[in-house]
């Protein structure tokens, strides 16, 4: 590194370091440590952004489904309103008849009937009216109660989903703000990367593992196809938010690999932890996802023989490494 470049770099990093933050790194080793730290923070933020976007999409679907349920319940109630009007007219007619002196009961039928047949006719008519009216009213009350409950439930679900949507919008806004702040750090990462010596770059990238693809089981199972696909991306660059086909972030590589097998994975490493089937470390098979860090902010794919393929950080291409060199082991999932 020339003296001019070194001075410019230190000046740029110094100016970019907020007041109260850790001192700007000056030695090559400090620069490498700072580079690693900034890259880790950027990956965490990117994975959190992926998760927020997933939640946002789900909440929008929840709102649409709740709106549809509310509309259906409202339409049912509207239809019942016409039925209620019809039933109300029948009841009103009986009330008016009773008010005018008409008797719509069995005793009155006996008193006014002039023949047995007339009595049977009147009682039969009254019985039919009574049964029909009671049946209609029971049916209406039951349907109305059900529709009212359904509408209340749908409205409550819509309100709840809308609140969730607002919450996710706020979360995404916070993450976007954080991501904007991290753009400066990303710029620093790239600047520091350009300043690293060959020795430091070698330390950062680590040794290349010549993993034998013949260790991968044969077949057309999704996990097998996915791990075979992931291994074809060795050497491709890490880029925040990328999902291929020639550049990736950690969860983006998993999504792309399983897509080649016709499977859709959640976008974020945190969501990938939430899906699939838990797998004990001693039962790992090629194609299983290994989640790293307590906050599930990194993910790799087990390829067998104690190794994973992963996209680790900016400046380090997709590569195969021993399981524990990819980060602190959290858990594993099988898709």
C-alpha atoms as a PDB file:
ATOM      1  CA  UNK A   1       0.000   0.000   0.000  1.00  0.00           C
ATOM      2  CA  UNK A   2       1.381   3.413  -0.876  1.00  0.00           C
ATOM      3  CA  UNK A   3       1.731   6.105   1.762  1.00  0.00           C
ATOM      4  CA  UNK A   4      -0.873   8.260  -0.010  1.00  0.00           C
ATOM      5  CA  UNK A   5      -3.397   5.414  -0.125  1.00  0.00           C
ATOM      6  CA  UNK A   6      -2.800   4.562   3.518  1.00  0.00           C
ATOM      7  CA  UNK A   7      -3.299   8.154   4.630  1.00  0.00           C
ATOM      8  CA  UNK A   8      -6.435   8.507   2.504  1.00  0.00           C
ATOM      9  CA  UNK A   9      -7.864   5.284   3.901  1.00  0.00           C
ATOM     10  CA  UNK A  10      -7.213   6.163   7.520  1.00  0.00           C
ATOM     11  CA  UNK A  11      -8.676   9.622   6.943  1.00  0.00           C
ATOM     12  CA  UNK A  12     -11.784   8.202   5.277  1.00  0.00           C
ATOM     13  CA  UNK A  13     -12.374   5.697   8.054  1.00  0.00           C
ATOM     14  CA  UNK A  14     -11.693   8.304  10.724  1.00  0.00           C
ATOM     15  CA  UNK A  15     -14.184  10.745   9.219  1.00  0.00           C
ATOM     16  CA  UNK A  16     -16.766   7.997   8.812  1.00  0.00           C
ATOM     17  CA  UNK A  17     -16.515   6.855  12.439  1.00  0.00           C
ATOM     18  CA  UNK A  18     -19.337   8.425  14.506  1.00  0.00           C
ATOM     19  CA  UNK A  19     -18.532  10.279  17.700  1.00  0.00           C
ATOM     20  CA  UNK A  20     -18.383   7.898  20.638  1.00  0.00           C
ATOM     21  CA  UNK A  21     -17.798   4.854  18.398  1.00  0.00           C
ATOM     22  CA  UNK A  22     -14.788   2.610  18.712  1.00  0.00           C
ATOM     23  CA  UNK A  23     -11.536   4.214  17.524  1.00  0.00           C
ATOM     24  CA  UNK A  24     -10.832   3.950  13.819  1.00  0.00           C
ATOM     25  CA  UNK A  25      -8.580   0.954  13.080  1.00  0.00           C
ATOM     26  CA  UNK A  26      -5.097   1.883  11.902  1.00  0.00           C
ATOM     27  CA  UNK A  27      -2.972  -1.238  11.770  1.00  0.00           C
ATOM     28  CA  UNK A  28      -3.587  -3.943   9.144  1.00  0.00           C
ATOM     29  CA  UNK A  29      -4.726  -6.405  11.804  1.00  0.00           C
ATOM     30  CA  UNK A  30      -7.123  -3.834  13.274  1.00  0.00           C
ATOM     31  CA  UNK A  31      -8.476  -3.168   9.800  1.00  0.00           C
ATOM     32  CA  UNK A  32      -9.092  -6.887   9.293  1.00  0.00           C
ATOM     33  CA  UNK A  33     -10.880  -7.157  12.651  1.00  0.00           C
ATOM     34  CA  UNK A  34     -12.994  -4.118  11.862  1.00  0.00           C
ATOM     35  CA  UNK A  35     -13.732  -5.516   8.423  1.00  0.00           C
ATOM     36  CA  UNK A  36     -14.977  -8.787   9.890  1.00  0.00           C
ATOM     37  CA  UNK A  37     -17.121  -7.006  12.469  1.00  0.00           C
ATOM     38  CA  UNK A  38     -18.736  -4.679   9.943  1.00  0.00           C
ATOM     39  CA  UNK A  39     -19.408  -7.541   7.553  1.00  0.00           C
ATOM     40  CA  UNK A  40     -21.117  -9.534  10.313  1.00  0.00           C
ATOM     41  CA  UNK A  41     -23.338  -6.569  11.244  1.00  0.00           C
ATOM     42  CA  UNK A  42     -24.286  -5.999   7.624  1.00  0.00           C
ATOM     43  CA  UNK A  43     -25.264  -9.658   7.205  1.00  0.00           C
ATOM     44  CA  UNK A  44     -27.373  -9.552  10.382  1.00  0.00           C
ATOM     45  CA  UNK A  45     -29.193  -6.469   9.156  1.00  0.00           C
ATOM     46  CA  UNK A  46     -29.781  -7.953   5.709  1.00  0.00           C
ATOM     47  CA  UNK A  47     -31.234 -11.169   7.165  1.00  0.00           C
ATOM     48  CA  UNK A  48     -33.452  -9.161   9.512  1.00  0.00           C
ATOM     49  CA  UNK A  49     -34.670  -7.156   6.513  1.00  0.00           C
ATOM     50  CA  UNK A  50     -35.520 -10.365   4.650  1.00  0.00           C
ATOM     51  CA  UNK A  51     -37.517 -11.546   7.659  1.00  0.00           C
ATOM     52  CA  UNK A  52     -39.412  -8.255   7.937  1.00  0.00           C
ATOM     53  CA  UNK A  53     -40.309  -8.403   4.252  1.00  0.00           C
ATOM     54  CA  UNK A  54     -41.617 -11.953   4.714  1.00  0.00           C
ATOM     55  CA  UNK A  55     -43.744 -10.845   7.656  1.00  0.00           C
ATOM     56  CA  UNK A  56     -45.021  -7.877   5.706  1.00  0.00           C
ATOM     57  CA  UNK A  57     -46.160 -10.091   2.838  1.00  0.00           C
ATOM     58  CA  UNK A  58     -47.900 -12.512   5.220  1.00  0.00           C
ATOM     59  CA  UNK A  59     -49.686  -9.700   7.053  1.00  0.00           C
ATOM     60  CA  UNK A  60     -50.912  -8.294   3.753  1.00  0.00           C
ATOM     61  CA  UNK A  61     -52.317 -11.713   2.881  1.00  0.00           C
ATOM     62  CA  UNK A  62     -53.946 -11.869   6.319  1.00  0.00           C
ATOM     63  CA  UNK A  63     -55.632  -8.517   5.750  1.00  0.00           C
ATOM     64  CA  UNK A  64     -56.930  -9.579   2.320  1.00  0.00           C
ATOM     65  CA  UNK A  65     -58.309 -12.854   3.729  1.00  0.00           C
ATOM     66  CA  UNK A  66     -59.978 -11.055   6.635  1.00  0.00           C
ATOM     67  CA  UNK A  67     -61.527  -8.509   4.281  1.00  0.00           C
ATOM     68  CA  UNK A  68     -62.907 -11.347   2.155  1.00  0.00           C
ATOM     69  CA  UNK A  69     -64.412 -13.046   5.214  1.00  0.00           C
ATOM     70  CA  UNK A  70     -65.975  -9.796   6.382  1.00  0.00           C
ATOM     71  CA  UNK A  71     -67.435  -9.132   2.920  1.00  0.00           C
ATOM     72  CA  UNK A  72     -68.908 -12.635   2.764  1.00  0.00           C
ATOM     73  CA  UNK A  73     -70.482 -12.295   6.222  1.00  0.00           C
ATOM     74  CA  UNK A  74     -71.896  -8.887   5.307  1.00  0.00           C
ATOM     75  CA  UNK A  75     -73.414 -10.285   2.118  1.00  0.00           C
ATOM     76  CA  UNK A  76     -75.022 -13.082   4.137  1.00  0.00           C
ATOM     77  CA  UNK A  77     -76.498 -10.551   6.527  1.00  0.00           C
ATOM     78  CA  UNK A  78     -77.804  -8.473   3.637  1.00  0.00           C
ATOM     79  CA  UNK A  79     -79.530 -11.541   2.229  1.00  0.00           C
ATOM     80  CA  UNK A  80     -81.042 -12.312   5.613  1.00  0.00           C
ATOM     81  CA  UNK A  81     -82.398  -8.796   5.855  1.00  0.00           C
ATOM     82  CA  UNK A  82     -84.776  -9.518   2.979  1.00  0.00           C
ATOM     83  CA  UNK A  83     -85.846 -12.723   4.668  1.00  0.00           C
ATOM     84  CA  UNK A  84     -86.394 -10.838   7.906  1.00  0.00           C
ATOM     85  CA  UNK A  85     -88.629  -8.336   6.130  1.00  0.00           C
ATOM     86  CA  UNK A  86     -90.726 -11.192   4.783  1.00  0.00           C
ATOM     87  CA  UNK A  87     -91.032 -12.806   8.208  1.00  0.00           C
ATOM     88  CA  UNK A  88     -91.783  -9.482   9.833  1.00  0.00           C
ATOM     89  CA  UNK A  89     -94.651  -8.922   7.408  1.00  0.00           C
ATOM     90  CA  UNK A  90     -96.123 -12.280   8.393  1.00  0.00           C
ATOM     91  CA  UNK A  91     -95.863 -11.520  12.078  1.00  0.00           C
ATOM     92  CA  UNK A  92     -97.298  -8.044  11.566  1.00  0.00           C
ATOM     93  CA  UNK A  93    -100.265  -9.529   9.695  1.00  0.00           C
ATOM     94  CA  UNK A  94    -101.033 -11.851  12.595  1.00  0.00           C
ATOM     95  CA  UNK A  95    -100.704  -9.009  15.085  1.00  0.00           C
ATOM     96  CA  UNK A  96    -103.020  -6.809  13.060  1.00  0.00           C
ATOM     97  CA  UNK A  97    -105.551  -9.629  12.721  1.00  0.00           C
ATOM     98  CA  UNK A  98    -105.459 -10.211  16.441  1.00  0.00           C
ATOM     99  CA  UNK A  99    -105.869  -6.470  17.121  1.00  0.00           C
ATOM    100  CA  UNK A 100    -108.966  -6.363  14.898  1.00  0.00           C
ATOM    101  CA  UNK A 101    -110.542  -9.161  16.839  1.00  0.00           C
ATOM    102  CA  UNK A 102    -109.510 -12.134  14.758  1.00  0.00           C
ATOM    103  CA  UNK A 103    -108.574 -15.206  16.708  1.00  0.00           C
ATOM    104  CA  UNK A 104    -105.730 -17.250  15.415  1.00  0.00           C
ATOM    105  CA  UNK A 105    -105.783 -20.080  17.888  1.00  0.00           C
ATOM    106  CA  UNK A 106    -107.424 -23.470  18.236  1.00  0.00           C
ATOM    107  CA  UNK A 107    -110.122 -22.345  20.662  1.00  0.00           C
ATOM    108  CA  UNK A 108    -111.341 -19.705  18.243  1.00  0.00           C
ATOM    109  CA  UNK A 109    -111.374 -22.291  15.440  1.00  0.00           C
ATOM    110  CA  UNK A 110    -113.666 -24.529  17.528  1.00  0.00           C
ATOM    111  CA  UNK A 111    -116.034 -21.683  18.324  1.00  0.00           C
ATOM    112  CA  UNK A 112    -116.473 -20.420  14.766  1.00  0.00           C
ATOM    113  CA  UNK A 113    -116.470 -23.704  12.887  1.00  0.00           C
ATOM    114  CA  UNK A 114    -119.891 -24.780  11.545  1.00  0.00           C
ATOM    115  CA  UNK A 115    -118.828 -28.295  10.623  1.00  0.00           C
ATOM    116  CA  UNK A 116    -116.174 -30.850  11.501  1.00  0.00           C
ATOM    117  CA  UNK A 117    -114.504 -30.343   8.126  1.00  0.00           C
ATOM    118  CA  UNK A 118    -114.440 -26.579   8.612  1.00  0.00           C
ATOM    119  CA  UNK A 119    -112.847 -27.085  12.027  1.00  0.00           C
ATOM    120  CA  UNK A 120    -110.184 -29.373  10.581  1.00  0.00           C
ATOM    121  CA  UNK A 121    -109.479 -26.954   7.757  1.00  0.00           C
ATOM    122  CA  UNK A 122    -109.098 -23.974  10.088  1.00  0.00           C
ATOM    123  CA  UNK A 123    -106.992 -25.848  12.632  1.00  0.00           C
ATOM    124  CA  UNK A 124    -104.809 -27.275   9.867  1.00  0.00           C
ATOM    125  CA  UNK A 125    -104.296 -23.828   8.404  1.00  0.00           C
ATOM    126  CA  UNK A 126    -103.437 -22.351  11.777  1.00  0.00           C
ATOM    127  CA  UNK A 127    -101.058 -25.199  12.537  1.00  0.00           C
ATOM    128  CA  UNK A 128     -99.264 -24.744   9.219  1.00  0.00           C
ATOM    129  CA  UNK A 129     -98.939 -20.991   9.776  1.00  0.00           C
ATOM    130  CA  UNK A 130     -97.674 -21.541  13.285  1.00  0.00           C
ATOM    131  CA  UNK A 131     -95.166 -24.170  12.266  1.00  0.00           C
ATOM    132  CA  UNK A 132     -93.930 -22.213   9.269  1.00  0.00           C
ATOM    133  CA  UNK A 133     -93.618 -19.012  11.259  1.00  0.00           C
ATOM    134  CA  UNK A 134     -91.783 -20.751  14.117  1.00  0.00           C
ATOM    135  CA  UNK A 135     -89.523 -22.568  11.666  1.00  0.00           C
ATOM    136  CA  UNK A 136     -88.761 -19.380   9.757  1.00  0.00           C
ATOM    137  CA  UNK A 137     -88.012 -17.455  12.921  1.00  0.00           C
ATOM    138  CA  UNK A 138     -85.767 -20.190  14.298  1.00  0.00           C
ATOM    139  CA  UNK A 139     -83.910 -20.458  11.004  1.00  0.00           C
ATOM    140  CA  UNK A 140     -83.496 -16.723  10.792  1.00  0.00           C
ATOM    141  CA  UNK A 141     -82.294 -16.365  14.361  1.00  0.00           C
ATOM    142  CA  UNK A 142     -79.775 -19.159  13.896  1.00  0.00           C
ATOM    143  CA  UNK A 143     -78.472 -17.875  10.563  1.00  0.00           C
ATOM    144  CA  UNK A 144     -78.454 -14.280  11.748  1.00  0.00           C
ATOM    145  CA  UNK A 145     -76.548 -15.175  14.899  1.00  0.00           C
ATOM    146  CA  UNK A 146     -74.024 -17.182  12.871  1.00  0.00           C
ATOM    147  CA  UNK A 147     -73.551 -14.436  10.312  1.00  0.00           C
ATOM    148  CA  UNK A 148     -73.260 -11.756  12.981  1.00  0.00           C
ATOM    149  CA  UNK A 149     -70.645 -13.820  14.808  1.00  0.00           C
ATOM    150  CA  UNK A 150     -68.806 -14.457  11.540  1.00  0.00           C
ATOM    151  CA  UNK A 151     -68.800 -10.784  10.673  1.00  0.00           C
ATOM    152  CA  UNK A 152     -67.589  -9.828  14.147  1.00  0.00           C
ATOM    153  CA  UNK A 153     -64.832 -12.427  13.880  1.00  0.00           C
ATOM    154  CA  UNK A 154     -63.843 -11.282  10.410  1.00  0.00           C
ATOM    155  CA  UNK A 155     -63.804  -7.618  11.424  1.00  0.00           C
ATOM    156  CA  UNK A 156     -61.720  -8.490  14.478  1.00  0.00           C
ATOM    157  CA  UNK A 157     -59.339 -10.504  12.303  1.00  0.00           C
ATOM    158  CA  UNK A 158     -59.073  -7.650   9.819  1.00  0.00           C
ATOM    159  CA  UNK A 159     -58.376  -5.145  12.593  1.00  0.00           C
ATOM    160  CA  UNK A 160     -55.787  -7.461  14.098  1.00  0.00           C
ATOM    161  CA  UNK A 161     -54.134  -8.036  10.728  1.00  0.00           C
ATOM    162  CA  UNK A 162     -54.149  -4.313   9.993  1.00  0.00           C
ATOM    163  CA  UNK A 163     -52.439  -3.646  13.309  1.00  0.00           C
ATOM    164  CA  UNK A 164     -49.911  -6.350  12.529  1.00  0.00           C
ATOM    165  CA  UNK A 165     -49.338  -4.802   9.113  1.00  0.00           C
ATOM    166  CA  UNK A 166     -48.741  -1.405  10.688  1.00  0.00           C
ATOM    167  CA  UNK A 167     -46.322  -3.004  13.147  1.00  0.00           C
ATOM    168  CA  UNK A 168     -44.384  -4.723  10.377  1.00  0.00           C
ATOM    169  CA  UNK A 169     -44.338  -1.497   8.377  1.00  0.00           C
ATOM    170  CA  UNK A 170     -42.765   0.185  11.384  1.00  0.00           C
ATOM    171  CA  UNK A 171     -40.307  -2.689  11.744  1.00  0.00           C
ATOM    172  CA  UNK A 172     -39.376  -2.488   8.096  1.00  0.00           C
ATOM    173  CA  UNK A 173     -39.001   1.273   8.407  1.00  0.00           C
ATOM    174  CA  UNK A 174     -36.650   0.801  11.337  1.00  0.00           C
ATOM    175  CA  UNK A 175     -34.663  -1.783   9.443  1.00  0.00           C
ATOM    176  CA  UNK A 176     -34.493   0.383   6.348  1.00  0.00           C
ATOM    177  CA  UNK A 177     -33.151   3.191   8.488  1.00  0.00           C
ATOM    178  CA  UNK A 178     -30.603   0.827   9.989  1.00  0.00           C
ATOM    179  CA  UNK A 179     -29.758  -0.482   6.543  1.00  0.00           C
ATOM    180  CA  UNK A 180     -29.187   3.069   5.364  1.00  0.00           C
ATOM    181  CA  UNK A 181     -26.826   3.629   8.256  1.00  0.00           C
ATOM    182  CA  UNK A 182     -25.055   0.417   7.361  1.00  0.00           C
ATOM    183  CA  UNK A 183     -24.441   1.612   3.824  1.00  0.00           C
ATOM    184  CA  UNK A 184     -21.624   3.717   5.252  1.00  0.00           C
ATOM    185  CA  UNK A 185     -20.284   0.669   7.040  1.00  0.00           C
ATOM    186  CA  UNK A 186     -20.579  -1.367   3.852  1.00  0.00           C
ATOM    187  CA  UNK A 187     -18.594   1.312   2.060  1.00  0.00           C
ATOM    188  CA  UNK A 188     -16.015   1.049   4.806  1.00  0.00           C
ATOM    189  CA  UNK A 189     -15.984  -2.739   4.441  1.00  0.00           C
ATOM    190  CA  UNK A 190     -15.236  -2.393   0.763  1.00  0.00           C
ATOM    191  CA  UNK A 191     -12.606   0.271   1.364  1.00  0.00           C
ATOM    192  CA  UNK A 192     -10.933  -1.831   4.026  1.00  0.00           C
ATOM    193  CA  UNK A 193     -11.082  -4.881   1.797  1.00  0.00           C
ATOM    194  CA  UNK A 194      -9.238  -2.990  -0.927  1.00  0.00           C
ATOM    195  CA  UNK A 195      -6.534  -2.119   1.589  1.00  0.00           C
ATOM    196  CA  UNK A 196      -5.913  -5.630   2.907  1.00  0.00           C
ATOM    197  CA  UNK A 197      -2.616  -7.266   2.127  1.00  0.00           C
ATOM    198  CA  UNK A 198      -2.328 -10.586   0.381  1.00  0.00           C
ATOM    199  CA  UNK A 199      -1.529 -12.233   3.697  1.00  0.00           C
ATOM    200  CA  UNK A 200      -4.646 -10.815   5.323  1.00  0.00           C
ATOM    201  CA  UNK A 201      -6.829 -11.740   2.366  1.00  0.00           C
ATOM    202  CA  UNK A 202      -5.524 -15.271   2.594  1.00  0.00           C
ATOM    203  CA  UNK A 203      -6.324 -15.343   6.313  1.00  0.00           C
ATOM    204  CA  UNK A 204      -9.792 -13.974   5.623  1.00  0.00           C
ATOM    205  CA  UNK A 205     -10.628 -16.465   2.899  1.00  0.00           C
ATOM    206  CA  UNK A 206      -9.010 -19.435   4.597  1.00  0.00           C
ATOM    207  CA  UNK A 207      -7.860 -22.583   2.833  1.00  0.00           C
ATOM    208  CA  UNK A 208      -9.775 -23.937  -0.124  1.00  0.00           C
ATOM    209  CA  UNK A 209     -11.412 -27.267   0.577  1.00  0.00           C
ATOM    210  CA  UNK A 210     -11.483 -29.662  -2.359  1.00  0.00           C
ATOM    211  CA  UNK A 211     -14.708 -31.400  -1.415  1.00  0.00           C
ATOM    212  CA  UNK A 212     -15.312 -34.615  -3.316  1.00  0.00           C
ATOM    213  CA  UNK A 213     -18.742 -34.363  -5.018  1.00  0.00           C
ATOM    214  CA  UNK A 214     -18.875 -38.152  -5.216  1.00  0.00           C
ATOM    215  CA  UNK A 215     -19.666 -38.117  -1.500  1.00  0.00           C
ATOM    216  CA  UNK A 216     -23.093 -36.675  -2.330  1.00  0.00           C
ATOM    217  CA  UNK A 217     -25.767 -39.365  -2.583  1.00  0.00           C
ATOM    218  CA  UNK A 218     -27.244 -39.995  -6.004  1.00  0.00           C
ATOM    219  CA  UNK A 219     -30.897 -39.431  -6.750  1.00  0.00           C
ATOM    220  CA  UNK A 220     -33.552 -36.839  -7.493  1.00  0.00           C
ATOM    221  CA  UNK A 221     -34.679 -36.009  -3.955  1.00  0.00           C
ATOM    222  CA  UNK A 222     -34.959 -32.247  -3.390  1.00  0.00           C
ATOM    223  CA  UNK A 223     -32.178 -32.161  -0.791  1.00  0.00           C
ATOM    224  CA  UNK A 224     -29.814 -34.069  -3.075  1.00  0.00           C
ATOM    225  CA  UNK A 225     -30.514 -31.816  -6.050  1.00  0.00           C
ATOM    226  CA  UNK A 226     -30.162 -28.734  -3.827  1.00  0.00           C
ATOM    227  CA  UNK A 227     -26.785 -29.681  -2.428  1.00  0.00           C
ATOM    228  CA  UNK A 228     -25.509 -30.578  -5.879  1.00  0.00           C
ATOM    229  CA  UNK A 229     -26.700 -27.186  -7.136  1.00  0.00           C
ATOM    230  CA  UNK A 230     -25.102 -25.320  -4.230  1.00  0.00           C
ATOM    231  CA  UNK A 231     -21.750 -26.942  -4.914  1.00  0.00           C
ATOM    232  CA  UNK A 232     -21.817 -25.598  -8.484  1.00  0.00           C
ATOM    233  CA  UNK A 233     -21.746 -22.053  -7.064  1.00  0.00           C
ATOM    234  CA  UNK A 234     -18.395 -22.423  -5.294  1.00  0.00           C
ATOM    235  CA  UNK A 235     -16.319 -19.357  -6.121  1.00  0.00           C
ATOM    236  CA  UNK A 236     -19.284 -17.032  -6.719  1.00  0.00           C
ATOM    237  CA  UNK A 237     -19.154 -13.720  -4.813  1.00  0.00           C
ATOM    238  CA  UNK A 238     -21.052 -12.789  -1.659  1.00  0.00           C
ATOM    239  CA  UNK A 239     -23.424  -9.838  -2.163  1.00  0.00           C
ATOM    240  CA  UNK A 240     -25.884  -8.616   0.465  1.00  0.00           C
ATOM    241  CA  UNK A 241     -29.459  -9.481  -0.543  1.00  0.00           C
ATOM    242  CA  UNK A 242     -28.505 -11.537  -3.599  1.00  0.00           C
ATOM    243  CA  UNK A 243     -30.265 -14.795  -4.518  1.00  0.00           C
ATOM    244  CA  UNK A 244     -28.264 -15.819  -7.582  1.00  0.00           C
ATOM    245  CA  UNK A 245     -27.692 -17.044 -10.066  1.00  0.00           C
ATOM    246  CA  UNK A 246     -24.091 -15.831  -9.862  1.00  0.00           C
ATOM    247  CA  UNK A 247     -23.939 -13.951  -6.547  1.00  0.00           C
ATOM    248  CA  UNK A 248     -25.492 -14.719  -3.174  1.00  0.00           C
ATOM    249  CA  UNK A 249     -25.933 -13.894   0.458  1.00  0.00           C
ATOM    250  CA  UNK A 250     -26.138 -16.777   2.925  1.00  0.00           C
ATOM    251  CA  UNK A 251     -29.890 -17.453   2.871  1.00  0.00           C
ATOM    252  CA  UNK A 252     -30.083 -16.478  -0.801  1.00  0.00           C
ATOM    253  CA  UNK A 253     -27.801 -19.396  -1.670  1.00  0.00           C
ATOM    254  CA  UNK A 254     -30.133 -21.783   0.177  1.00  0.00           C
ATOM    255  CA  UNK A 255     -33.180 -20.372  -1.610  1.00  0.00           C
ATOM    256  CA  UNK A 256     -31.518 -20.639  -5.020  1.00  0.00           C
ATOM    257  CA  UNK A 257     -30.234 -24.184  -4.457  1.00  0.00           C
ATOM    258  CA  UNK A 258     -33.631 -25.556  -3.428  1.00  0.00           C
ATOM    259  CA  UNK A 259     -35.304 -23.656  -6.251  1.00  0.00           C
ATOM    260  CA  UNK A 260     -33.281 -25.811  -8.644  1.00  0.00           C
ATOM    261  CA  UNK A 261     -35.052 -28.771  -7.057  1.00  0.00           C
ATOM    262  CA  UNK A 262     -38.466 -27.166  -7.493  1.00  0.00           C
ATOM    263  CA  UNK A 263     -38.786 -26.282  -3.804  1.00  0.00           C
ATOM    264  CA  UNK A 264     -39.479 -22.871  -2.275  1.00  0.00           C
ATOM    265  CA  UNK A 265     -37.645 -21.976   0.923  1.00  0.00           C
ATOM    266  CA  UNK A 266     -38.329 -19.001   3.205  1.00  0.00           C
ATOM    267  CA  UNK A 267     -36.127 -16.055   2.305  1.00  0.00           C
ATOM    268  CA  UNK A 268     -34.411 -15.342   5.622  1.00  0.00           C
ATOM    269  CA  UNK A 269     -32.158 -17.538   7.734  1.00  0.00           C
ATOM    270  CA  UNK A 270     -34.469 -16.919  10.706  1.00  0.00           C
ATOM    271  CA  UNK A 271     -37.470 -18.165   8.732  1.00  0.00           C
ATOM    272  CA  UNK A 272     -35.466 -21.105   7.463  1.00  0.00           C
ATOM    273  CA  UNK A 273     -34.863 -21.988  11.100  1.00  0.00           C
ATOM    274  CA  UNK A 274     -38.630 -21.849  11.722  1.00  0.00           C
ATOM    275  CA  UNK A 275     -39.445 -24.199   8.841  1.00  0.00           C
ATOM    276  CA  UNK A 276     -38.491 -27.720   7.898  1.00  0.00           C
ATOM    277  CA  UNK A 277     -37.939 -30.532  10.383  1.00  0.00           C
ATOM    278  CA  UNK A 278     -35.465 -30.266  13.268  1.00  0.00           C
ATOM    279  CA  UNK A 279     -32.427 -32.492  12.868  1.00  0.00           C
ATOM    280  CA  UNK A 280     -29.944 -33.499  15.538  1.00  0.00           C
ATOM    281  CA  UNK A 281     -26.344 -32.682  14.754  1.00  0.00           C
ATOM    282  CA  UNK A 282     -25.447 -36.360  14.842  1.00  0.00           C
ATOM    283  CA  UNK A 283     -28.109 -37.145  12.220  1.00  0.00           C
ATOM    284  CA  UNK A 284     -27.133 -34.602   9.558  1.00  0.00           C
ATOM    285  CA  UNK A 285     -27.550 -35.573   5.906  1.00  0.00           C
ATOM    286  CA  UNK A 286     -26.412 -33.712   2.745  1.00  0.00           C
ATOM    287  CA  UNK A 287     -28.886 -30.939   1.950  1.00  0.00           C
ATOM    288  CA  UNK A 288     -29.758 -30.182   5.582  1.00  0.00           C
ATOM    289  CA  UNK A 289     -29.565 -26.500   6.503  1.00  0.00           C
ATOM    290  CA  UNK A 290     -27.352 -25.532   9.423  1.00  0.00           C
ATOM    291  CA  UNK A 291     -28.350 -22.336  11.213  1.00  0.00           C
ATOM    292  CA  UNK A 292     -25.649 -20.313  12.953  1.00  0.00           C
ATOM    293  CA  UNK A 293     -25.531 -17.754  15.781  1.00  0.00           C
ATOM    294  CA  UNK A 294     -28.114 -17.363  18.579  1.00  0.00           C
ATOM    295  CA  UNK A 295     -30.096 -14.899  16.444  1.00  0.00           C
ATOM    296  CA  UNK A 296     -30.123 -17.274  13.438  1.00  0.00           C
ATOM    297  CA  UNK A 297     -28.426 -14.663  11.279  1.00  0.00           C
ATOM    298  CA  UNK A 298     -26.374 -17.049   9.146  1.00  0.00           C
ATOM    299  CA  UNK A 299     -27.056 -20.328   7.368  1.00  0.00           C
ATOM    300  CA  UNK A 300     -25.114 -22.938   5.427  1.00  0.00           C
ATOM    301  CA  UNK A 301     -25.900 -26.282   3.783  1.00  0.00           C
ATOM    302  CA  UNK A 302     -24.449 -29.546   4.988  1.00  0.00           C
ATOM    303  CA  UNK A 303     -22.658 -31.399   2.187  1.00  0.00           C
ATOM    304  CA  UNK A 304     -21.443 -34.382   4.166  1.00  0.00           C
ATOM    305  CA  UNK A 305     -18.252 -35.539   5.865  1.00  0.00           C
ATOM    306  CA  UNK A 306     -18.459 -32.700   8.400  1.00  0.00           C
ATOM    307  CA  UNK A 307     -18.538 -29.835   5.864  1.00  0.00           C
ATOM    308  CA  UNK A 308     -20.956 -27.098   4.817  1.00  0.00           C
ATOM    309  CA  UNK A 309     -21.168 -24.917   1.722  1.00  0.00           C
ATOM    310  CA  UNK A 310     -22.062 -21.298   2.462  1.00  0.00           C
ATOM    311  CA  UNK A 311     -21.818 -17.687   1.362  1.00  0.00           C
ATOM    312  CA  UNK A 312     -20.072 -16.119   4.332  1.00  0.00           C
ATOM    313  CA  UNK A 313     -19.249 -12.447   3.878  1.00  0.00           C
ATOM    314  CA  UNK A 314     -18.214  -9.817   1.370  1.00  0.00           C
ATOM    315  CA  UNK A 315     -14.851 -10.602  -0.153  1.00  0.00           C
ATOM    316  CA  UNK A 316     -15.109 -14.320   0.547  1.00  0.00           C
ATOM    317  CA  UNK A 317     -16.628 -16.383  -2.260  1.00  0.00           C
ATOM    318  CA  UNK A 318     -19.053 -19.259  -1.811  1.00  0.00           C
ATOM    319  CA  UNK A 319     -16.991 -22.101  -0.433  1.00  0.00           C
ATOM    320  CA  UNK A 320     -16.930 -25.365   1.515  1.00  0.00           C
ATOM    321  CA  UNK A 321     -15.674 -25.224   5.100  1.00  0.00           C
ATOM    322  CA  UNK A 322     -15.820 -27.419   8.199  1.00  0.00           C
ATOM    323  CA  UNK A 323     -19.136 -27.045  10.027  1.00  0.00           C
ATOM    324  CA  UNK A 324     -17.794 -25.025  12.937  1.00  0.00           C
ATOM    325  CA  UNK A 325     -15.795 -22.636  10.790  1.00  0.00           C
ATOM    326  CA  UNK A 326     -19.011 -21.174   9.370  1.00  0.00           C
ATOM    327  CA  UNK A 327     -20.012 -19.748  12.766  1.00  0.00           C
ATOM    328  CA  UNK A 328     -21.397 -20.752  16.160  1.00  0.00           C
ATOM    329  CA  UNK A 329     -23.663 -23.762  15.548  1.00  0.00           C
ATOM    330  CA  UNK A 330     -27.315 -23.120  16.447  1.00  0.00           C
ATOM    331  CA  UNK A 331     -29.400 -25.963  14.996  1.00  0.00           C
ATOM    332  CA  UNK A 332     -30.262 -27.784  11.773  1.00  0.00           C
ATOM    333  CA  UNK A 333     -33.359 -28.162   9.627  1.00  0.00           C
ATOM    334  CA  UNK A 334     -34.291 -30.671   6.961  1.00  0.00           C
ATOM    335  CA  UNK A 335     -36.502 -29.609   4.027  1.00  0.00           C
END
